[in-house]
Protein backbone atom coordinates (compact mmCIF):
# COMPACT_ATOMS: atom_id res chain seq x y z
CA MET A 1 -34.44 0.85 -9.62
CA ALA A 2 -35.98 3.79 -11.51
CA GLY A 3 -36.90 3.23 -15.16
CA ILE A 4 -37.40 5.53 -18.12
CA LYS A 5 -41.16 5.70 -17.43
CA ASP A 6 -40.46 6.94 -13.91
CA VAL A 7 -38.23 9.68 -15.31
CA ALA A 8 -40.95 10.68 -17.79
CA ALA A 9 -43.56 10.89 -15.00
CA GLU A 10 -41.24 12.89 -12.74
CA ALA A 11 -40.42 15.36 -15.53
CA GLY A 12 -44.01 15.56 -16.84
CA VAL A 13 -43.00 14.57 -20.40
CA SER A 14 -43.38 11.56 -22.66
CA VAL A 15 -41.05 8.56 -22.69
CA ALA A 16 -40.06 9.54 -26.22
CA THR A 17 -38.96 12.98 -24.98
CA VAL A 18 -36.85 11.38 -22.26
CA SER A 19 -35.23 9.15 -24.88
CA ARG A 20 -34.45 12.13 -27.10
CA VAL A 21 -32.89 14.05 -24.20
CA LEU A 22 -30.72 11.09 -23.19
CA ASN A 23 -29.58 10.67 -26.78
CA ASP A 24 -28.89 14.42 -27.12
CA HIS A 25 -31.42 14.90 -29.91
CA PRO A 26 -31.60 18.57 -31.01
CA SER A 27 -35.41 18.70 -31.35
CA VAL A 28 -36.05 18.94 -27.56
CA SER A 29 -36.84 22.32 -25.97
CA ALA A 30 -34.48 23.72 -23.35
CA ASP A 31 -37.24 23.56 -20.72
CA ALA A 32 -37.98 19.87 -21.37
CA ARG A 33 -34.30 19.05 -21.39
CA THR A 34 -33.81 20.77 -18.01
CA ARG A 35 -36.77 18.92 -16.44
CA VAL A 36 -35.65 15.52 -17.76
CA LEU A 37 -32.07 15.95 -16.55
CA ALA A 38 -33.34 17.06 -13.13
CA ALA A 39 -35.59 13.97 -12.94
CA VAL A 40 -32.65 11.72 -13.89
CA GLU A 41 -30.62 13.24 -11.07
CA THR A 42 -33.45 13.02 -8.53
CA LEU A 43 -34.29 9.39 -9.29
CA GLY A 44 -30.71 8.23 -9.78
CA TYR A 45 -31.67 6.79 -13.15
CA ARG A 46 -28.88 4.93 -14.99
CA PRO A 47 -29.73 5.12 -18.69
CA ASN A 48 -29.31 1.81 -20.46
CA ALA A 49 -26.74 0.42 -18.02
CA VAL A 50 -28.35 -3.02 -17.90
CA ALA A 51 -30.43 -2.87 -21.07
CA ARG A 52 -27.35 -2.36 -23.22
CA SER A 53 -26.06 -5.76 -22.14
CA LEU A 54 -29.02 -7.32 -23.98
CA ARG A 55 -27.93 -6.03 -27.40
CA THR A 56 -27.38 -8.44 -30.26
CA ASP A 57 -24.27 -6.74 -31.67
CA GLN A 58 -20.91 -7.58 -30.04
CA THR A 59 -17.99 -5.35 -29.16
CA HIS A 60 -15.64 -8.29 -28.42
CA THR A 61 -14.82 -6.61 -25.12
CA LEU A 62 -15.01 -8.19 -21.67
CA GLY A 63 -15.13 -6.42 -18.32
CA LEU A 64 -13.12 -7.63 -15.33
CA VAL A 65 -13.70 -6.24 -11.83
CA ILE A 66 -11.07 -7.49 -9.40
CA SER A 67 -11.02 -7.00 -5.65
CA ASP A 68 -7.59 -5.41 -5.25
CA VAL A 69 -5.07 -4.76 -8.02
CA MET A 70 -2.32 -4.34 -5.39
CA ASN A 71 -2.75 -7.95 -4.34
CA PRO A 72 -0.29 -10.07 -6.40
CA TYR A 73 -2.86 -12.86 -6.59
CA PHE A 74 -5.34 -10.64 -8.42
CA THR A 75 -2.61 -9.11 -10.57
CA GLU A 76 -1.68 -12.58 -11.80
CA LEU A 77 -5.37 -13.44 -12.24
CA ALA A 78 -5.91 -10.31 -14.37
CA ARG A 79 -2.90 -11.15 -16.49
CA SER A 80 -4.16 -14.66 -17.27
CA VAL A 81 -7.63 -13.30 -18.04
CA GLU A 82 -6.21 -10.78 -20.50
CA GLU A 83 -4.01 -13.39 -22.20
CA GLU A 84 -6.82 -15.92 -22.63
CA ALA A 85 -9.28 -13.26 -23.79
CA ARG A 86 -6.82 -12.02 -26.40
CA ALA A 87 -6.30 -15.56 -27.65
CA LEU A 88 -10.07 -15.89 -28.12
CA GLY A 89 -10.41 -12.56 -29.92
CA TYR A 90 -11.57 -10.38 -27.04
CA SER A 91 -10.07 -7.37 -25.27
CA VAL A 92 -10.48 -6.67 -21.54
CA ILE A 93 -11.30 -3.54 -19.55
CA ILE A 94 -10.26 -3.84 -15.88
CA GLY A 95 -11.74 -2.13 -12.84
CA ASN A 96 -10.12 -2.24 -9.38
CA ALA A 97 -12.66 -2.40 -6.53
CA ASP A 98 -10.00 -1.93 -3.82
CA GLU A 99 -12.14 -4.23 -1.57
CA ARG A 100 -14.92 -1.58 -1.57
CA PRO A 101 -18.49 -2.58 -2.58
CA ASP A 102 -19.30 0.97 -3.71
CA LEU A 103 -16.26 1.11 -5.98
CA GLN A 104 -17.07 -2.36 -7.29
CA ASP A 105 -20.54 -1.21 -8.34
CA HIS A 106 -19.09 1.95 -9.87
CA HIS A 107 -16.92 -0.17 -12.16
CA VAL A 108 -19.74 -2.60 -12.97
CA ARG A 109 -22.01 0.29 -13.95
CA ASN A 110 -19.35 1.90 -16.14
CA LEU A 111 -18.49 -1.37 -17.84
CA LEU A 112 -22.12 -2.06 -18.67
CA ASP A 113 -22.39 1.47 -20.07
CA ARG A 114 -19.38 0.73 -22.30
CA ARG A 115 -21.34 -2.06 -24.01
CA ILE A 116 -19.11 -4.92 -22.96
CA ASP A 117 -20.13 -8.38 -24.14
CA GLY A 118 -19.74 -10.00 -20.72
CA LEU A 119 -18.51 -9.44 -17.20
CA LEU A 120 -16.07 -11.25 -14.90
CA VAL A 121 -16.34 -10.25 -11.23
CA SER A 122 -14.65 -11.22 -7.97
CA PRO A 123 -17.34 -9.81 -5.63
CA THR A 124 -16.31 -7.75 -2.62
CA ASP A 125 -19.55 -8.70 -0.86
CA GLY A 126 -22.51 -11.00 -1.32
CA GLY A 127 -25.36 -8.59 -2.00
CA SER A 128 -24.82 -6.07 -4.80
CA PRO A 129 -28.28 -5.00 -6.12
CA LEU A 130 -26.67 -3.73 -9.32
CA MET A 131 -25.14 -7.10 -10.15
CA LEU A 132 -28.38 -8.86 -9.28
CA ASP A 133 -30.21 -6.53 -11.70
CA ALA A 134 -27.62 -7.25 -14.39
CA VAL A 135 -28.00 -11.01 -13.89
CA ARG A 136 -31.78 -10.79 -14.05
CA ALA A 137 -31.50 -8.72 -17.24
CA GLY A 138 -29.46 -11.48 -18.89
CA THR A 139 -25.99 -9.94 -18.80
CA PRO A 140 -23.40 -12.69 -19.47
CA MET A 141 -21.49 -12.95 -16.20
CA VAL A 142 -19.04 -15.27 -14.44
CA PHE A 143 -17.82 -15.03 -10.84
CA VAL A 144 -14.13 -15.76 -10.36
CA ASP A 145 -12.42 -16.60 -7.03
CA ARG A 146 -15.40 -15.32 -5.00
CA TRP A 147 -19.11 -15.59 -5.65
CA MET A 148 -22.54 -14.42 -4.51
CA PRO A 149 -24.41 -17.34 -2.86
CA GLY A 150 -27.76 -18.16 -4.38
CA VAL A 151 -27.11 -16.23 -7.60
CA ALA A 152 -27.39 -18.34 -10.76
CA VAL A 153 -24.02 -17.39 -12.26
CA PRO A 154 -21.17 -19.79 -13.16
CA VAL A 155 -18.34 -19.72 -10.59
CA VAL A 156 -14.67 -20.41 -11.32
CA ARG A 157 -12.72 -20.85 -8.10
CA SER A 158 -10.27 -22.98 -6.20
CA ASP A 159 -11.13 -25.27 -3.31
CA GLY A 160 -8.65 -24.79 -0.48
CA ARG A 161 -10.19 -27.10 2.12
CA ALA A 162 -7.89 -30.05 1.44
CA ALA A 163 -4.85 -27.77 1.41
CA VAL A 164 -5.90 -26.22 4.74
CA ARG A 165 -6.22 -29.74 6.18
CA ASP A 166 -2.73 -30.48 4.89
CA LEU A 167 -1.42 -27.30 6.50
CA VAL A 168 -2.94 -28.09 9.90
CA ALA A 169 -1.60 -31.65 9.72
CA HIS A 170 1.83 -30.21 8.90
CA LEU A 171 1.68 -27.76 11.81
CA HIS A 172 0.45 -30.44 14.20
CA GLY A 173 3.30 -32.69 13.11
CA LEU A 174 5.75 -29.91 13.96
CA GLY A 175 4.34 -29.82 17.50
CA HIS A 176 2.21 -26.66 17.24
CA ARG A 177 -1.05 -26.65 19.21
CA ARG A 178 -2.05 -22.98 19.57
CA LEU A 179 -3.04 -21.90 16.08
CA ALA A 180 -4.64 -18.55 15.20
CA ILE A 181 -6.08 -17.16 11.96
CA ILE A 182 -6.25 -13.70 10.44
CA ALA A 183 -9.59 -13.97 8.65
CA GLY A 184 -10.71 -12.18 5.52
CA PRO A 185 -13.88 -10.06 5.39
CA ALA A 186 -16.90 -11.98 6.66
CA ALA A 187 -18.95 -10.55 3.76
CA THR A 188 -16.84 -12.48 1.23
CA THR A 189 -17.28 -16.16 0.46
CA THR A 190 -13.52 -16.75 0.61
CA GLY A 191 -13.31 -15.03 3.99
CA GLN A 192 -16.01 -17.31 5.39
CA GLU A 193 -14.76 -20.48 3.71
CA ARG A 194 -11.15 -20.26 4.91
CA VAL A 195 -12.12 -19.77 8.55
CA ALA A 196 -14.57 -22.70 8.35
CA ALA A 197 -11.93 -24.93 6.74
CA PHE A 198 -9.35 -23.98 9.38
CA ARG A 199 -11.76 -24.64 12.24
CA GLU A 200 -12.78 -28.01 10.78
CA ALA A 201 -9.16 -29.05 10.28
CA LEU A 202 -8.27 -28.13 13.87
CA ARG A 203 -11.23 -30.09 15.17
CA ALA A 204 -9.89 -33.23 13.49
CA TYR A 205 -6.89 -32.99 15.84
CA GLY A 206 -8.93 -32.18 18.92
CA LEU A 207 -7.86 -28.52 18.82
CA ASP A 208 -10.12 -25.54 19.47
CA LEU A 209 -10.21 -22.20 17.70
CA PRO A 210 -11.06 -19.76 20.51
CA ASP A 211 -12.46 -16.35 19.65
CA ALA A 212 -9.22 -14.72 20.81
CA TYR A 213 -7.41 -16.61 18.06
CA ILE A 214 -9.66 -15.31 15.27
CA GLY A 215 -8.68 -11.83 14.09
CA GLN A 216 -10.84 -9.96 11.60
CA GLY A 217 -8.83 -8.66 8.65
CA ASP A 218 -9.74 -7.18 5.28
CA PHE A 219 -7.32 -8.92 2.88
CA GLN A 220 -4.92 -5.97 3.12
CA ALA A 221 -1.53 -5.67 4.84
CA GLU A 222 -2.43 -3.15 7.53
CA SER A 223 -5.12 -5.42 8.95
CA GLY A 224 -2.63 -8.29 9.12
CA ARG A 225 -0.28 -6.06 11.09
CA ARG A 226 -3.04 -4.90 13.46
CA VAL A 227 -4.46 -8.37 14.12
CA THR A 228 -1.03 -9.87 14.75
CA GLU A 229 -0.20 -7.14 17.25
CA GLY A 230 -3.37 -8.14 19.09
CA PHE A 231 -2.35 -11.81 19.07
CA LEU A 232 1.08 -10.95 20.46
CA ASP A 233 -0.50 -8.97 23.31
CA LEU A 234 -2.55 -11.95 24.54
CA PRO A 235 -1.59 -13.53 27.90
CA GLU A 236 -1.01 -16.76 25.92
CA PRO A 237 -0.12 -15.79 22.33
CA PRO A 238 -0.60 -18.35 19.56
CA GLU A 239 2.31 -20.46 18.35
CA VAL A 240 1.23 -20.04 14.72
CA VAL A 241 -0.47 -17.26 12.80
CA PHE A 242 -2.24 -18.37 9.62
CA ALA A 243 -3.07 -15.39 7.40
CA ALA A 244 -5.99 -15.97 5.04
CA ASP A 245 -4.28 -14.08 2.22
CA ASN A 246 -0.79 -13.00 1.17
CA LEU A 247 -0.99 -9.28 1.98
CA MET A 248 -2.21 -9.95 5.52
CA ALA A 249 0.70 -12.40 5.90
CA LEU A 250 3.18 -9.67 4.97
CA GLY A 251 1.52 -7.36 7.50
CA ALA A 252 1.81 -10.08 10.12
CA LEU A 253 5.51 -10.48 9.33
CA ASP A 254 6.00 -6.72 9.80
CA ALA A 255 4.27 -6.85 13.20
CA VAL A 256 6.46 -9.70 14.42
CA ARG A 257 9.66 -7.99 13.31
CA ALA A 258 8.58 -4.68 14.85
CA ARG A 259 8.53 -6.45 18.23
CA GLY A 260 12.08 -7.70 17.71
CA MET A 261 10.75 -11.24 17.36
CA ARG A 262 11.76 -13.86 14.82
CA VAL A 263 9.87 -16.22 12.51
CA PRO A 264 9.72 -19.14 13.20
CA GLN A 265 11.80 -19.13 16.41
CA ASP A 266 9.33 -16.96 18.35
CA ILE A 267 6.15 -17.45 16.33
CA ALA A 268 5.36 -19.40 13.15
CA LEU A 269 3.66 -17.90 10.10
CA ALA A 270 1.72 -19.44 7.21
CA ALA A 271 -0.42 -17.92 4.47
CA PHE A 272 -3.19 -18.60 2.00
CA ASP A 273 -2.36 -17.44 -1.58
CA ASP A 274 1.25 -18.13 -2.49
CA ILE A 275 3.17 -15.38 -4.30
CA PRO A 276 6.67 -15.19 -5.81
CA TRP A 277 7.87 -12.92 -2.98
CA PHE A 278 7.40 -15.62 -0.35
CA VAL A 279 10.42 -17.60 -1.54
CA HIS A 280 12.58 -14.48 -1.02
CA THR A 281 11.47 -13.56 2.51
CA ASP A 282 13.60 -14.61 5.47
CA PRO A 283 12.52 -17.25 6.18
CA PRO A 284 10.62 -18.33 3.04
CA ILE A 285 6.92 -18.54 3.92
CA THR A 286 4.93 -21.78 3.95
CA ALA A 287 1.79 -21.10 1.94
CA ILE A 288 -1.27 -22.50 0.20
CA ALA A 289 -1.02 -21.98 -3.54
CA GLN A 290 -3.98 -21.50 -5.84
CA PRO A 291 -3.80 -22.35 -9.57
CA THR A 292 -4.22 -18.67 -10.38
CA GLY A 293 -3.39 -18.72 -14.08
CA GLU A 294 -5.71 -21.62 -14.82
CA LEU A 295 -8.51 -19.96 -12.84
CA GLY A 296 -8.25 -16.84 -15.01
CA ARG A 297 -8.17 -18.84 -18.23
CA ALA A 298 -11.09 -21.04 -17.20
CA ALA A 299 -13.15 -17.98 -16.22
CA VAL A 300 -12.67 -16.42 -19.64
CA ARG A 301 -13.60 -19.65 -21.42
CA ALA A 302 -16.78 -19.97 -19.33
CA LEU A 303 -17.77 -16.35 -20.06
CA VAL A 304 -17.11 -16.66 -23.80
CA ASP A 305 -19.21 -19.84 -23.84
CA ARG A 306 -22.04 -17.88 -22.26
CA ILE A 307 -21.66 -14.98 -24.71
CA GLU A 308 -21.53 -17.24 -27.75
CA GLY A 309 -24.54 -19.33 -26.77
CA ARG A 310 -22.82 -22.43 -25.40
CA PRO A 311 -23.73 -23.71 -21.92
CA PRO A 312 -21.09 -22.44 -19.45
CA GLU A 313 -19.89 -24.59 -16.60
CA SER A 314 -18.68 -23.76 -13.12
CA VAL A 315 -15.09 -24.87 -12.47
CA THR A 316 -13.46 -25.78 -9.14
CA LEU A 317 -9.71 -26.46 -9.03
CA PRO A 318 -7.71 -27.70 -6.03
CA ALA A 319 -5.26 -25.55 -4.10
CA ARG A 320 -2.13 -27.13 -2.62
CA LEU A 321 0.28 -26.69 0.26
CA VAL A 322 3.83 -25.46 -0.43
CA VAL A 323 6.09 -26.18 2.54
CA ARG A 324 9.00 -23.82 3.19
CA ARG A 325 10.61 -22.73 6.48
CA SER A 326 8.37 -20.25 8.31
CA CYS A 327 6.72 -22.76 10.63
CA GLY A 328 9.77 -24.34 12.22
CA GLU A 329 10.38 -26.94 9.54
CA PRO A 330 13.51 -28.82 10.57
CA SER A 331 15.39 -28.72 7.25
CA PRO A 332 15.13 -27.29 3.74
CA ARG A 333 16.35 -30.53 2.21
CA ASN A 334 12.98 -31.42 0.75
CA VAL A 335 12.68 -29.18 -2.27
CA ALA A 336 9.30 -27.67 -3.09
CA VAL A 337 8.23 -26.13 -6.37
CA ASN A 338 7.12 -22.52 -6.54
CA PRO A 339 3.66 -22.72 -8.20
CA VAL A 340 4.08 -19.26 -9.74
CA THR A 341 7.53 -19.65 -11.30
CA ASN A 342 7.63 -23.47 -11.54
CA ARG A 343 11.20 -23.33 -10.19
CA SER A 344 12.65 -25.37 -7.36
CA GLU A 345 13.07 -23.56 -4.06
CA SER A 346 14.70 -24.41 -0.76
């Protein structure tokens, strides 16, 4: 990454002159100003983006970069972050990455430029050089939901492995043997983890996960629709489609209905990430629920600890299975509790 000395060398001026140009000081000649700005553009220099995070004065503002604001899971996460931050005396600026690494880094850069006190990020991939630079520079940061392996940053997330085992046991008990998964992006830790957990749970019952039953999605509805159409076109379609997030599950449901098929009579459907809508679909969708509100609150507390000089801790909370009627469950008599609304559902 280019520094202020590189800009000075490129422009043929002193570091002090570069500083004056960047701070719009009136004592710089028009020629020097033109050369400095051209050097900044050529080198892609980002003035003070990381260095500002090392200031000693506080703005009592946190940055939050979420993966997709259209995903109800992240909407609820953002809400809990904002509520907890406000209770602790901080405001929050939110950036929506839309599952795009370039847009993620755009928001991270802008938030650092705005002199935030700390940053919460749900990474869209595992290798952002900008975030690595910010971590090395000492920017207070916490990863929430997803993380970057090998980066020394506290992580607040849920562990869905036990819930996935519970789901597979439930499906096996209903007589299902051909189970497929719509996976999330392989570049994300959650995308990798959910496929691994599903494969491991199947293995415990002597079931395979053939390549044809793994569809690559992107945590958005259209990919769920596309992957499910591919499953339905197989010579031996799966009996169950497990979508690794809620939006892909809704896309899968659209694909099944577009074929004139029914859930669960023709194919069963389950999802990771429960949302309030699932209790209102026909049939209500069996899903794995994360403790979304508590994740957001815990992430803020960890970040504020880091900002205020207390040792932050990583937090892992368990997810749980919510059984409804989309997998061929014989009866709605056993009432489950919607983890979002805390109301009974049948």
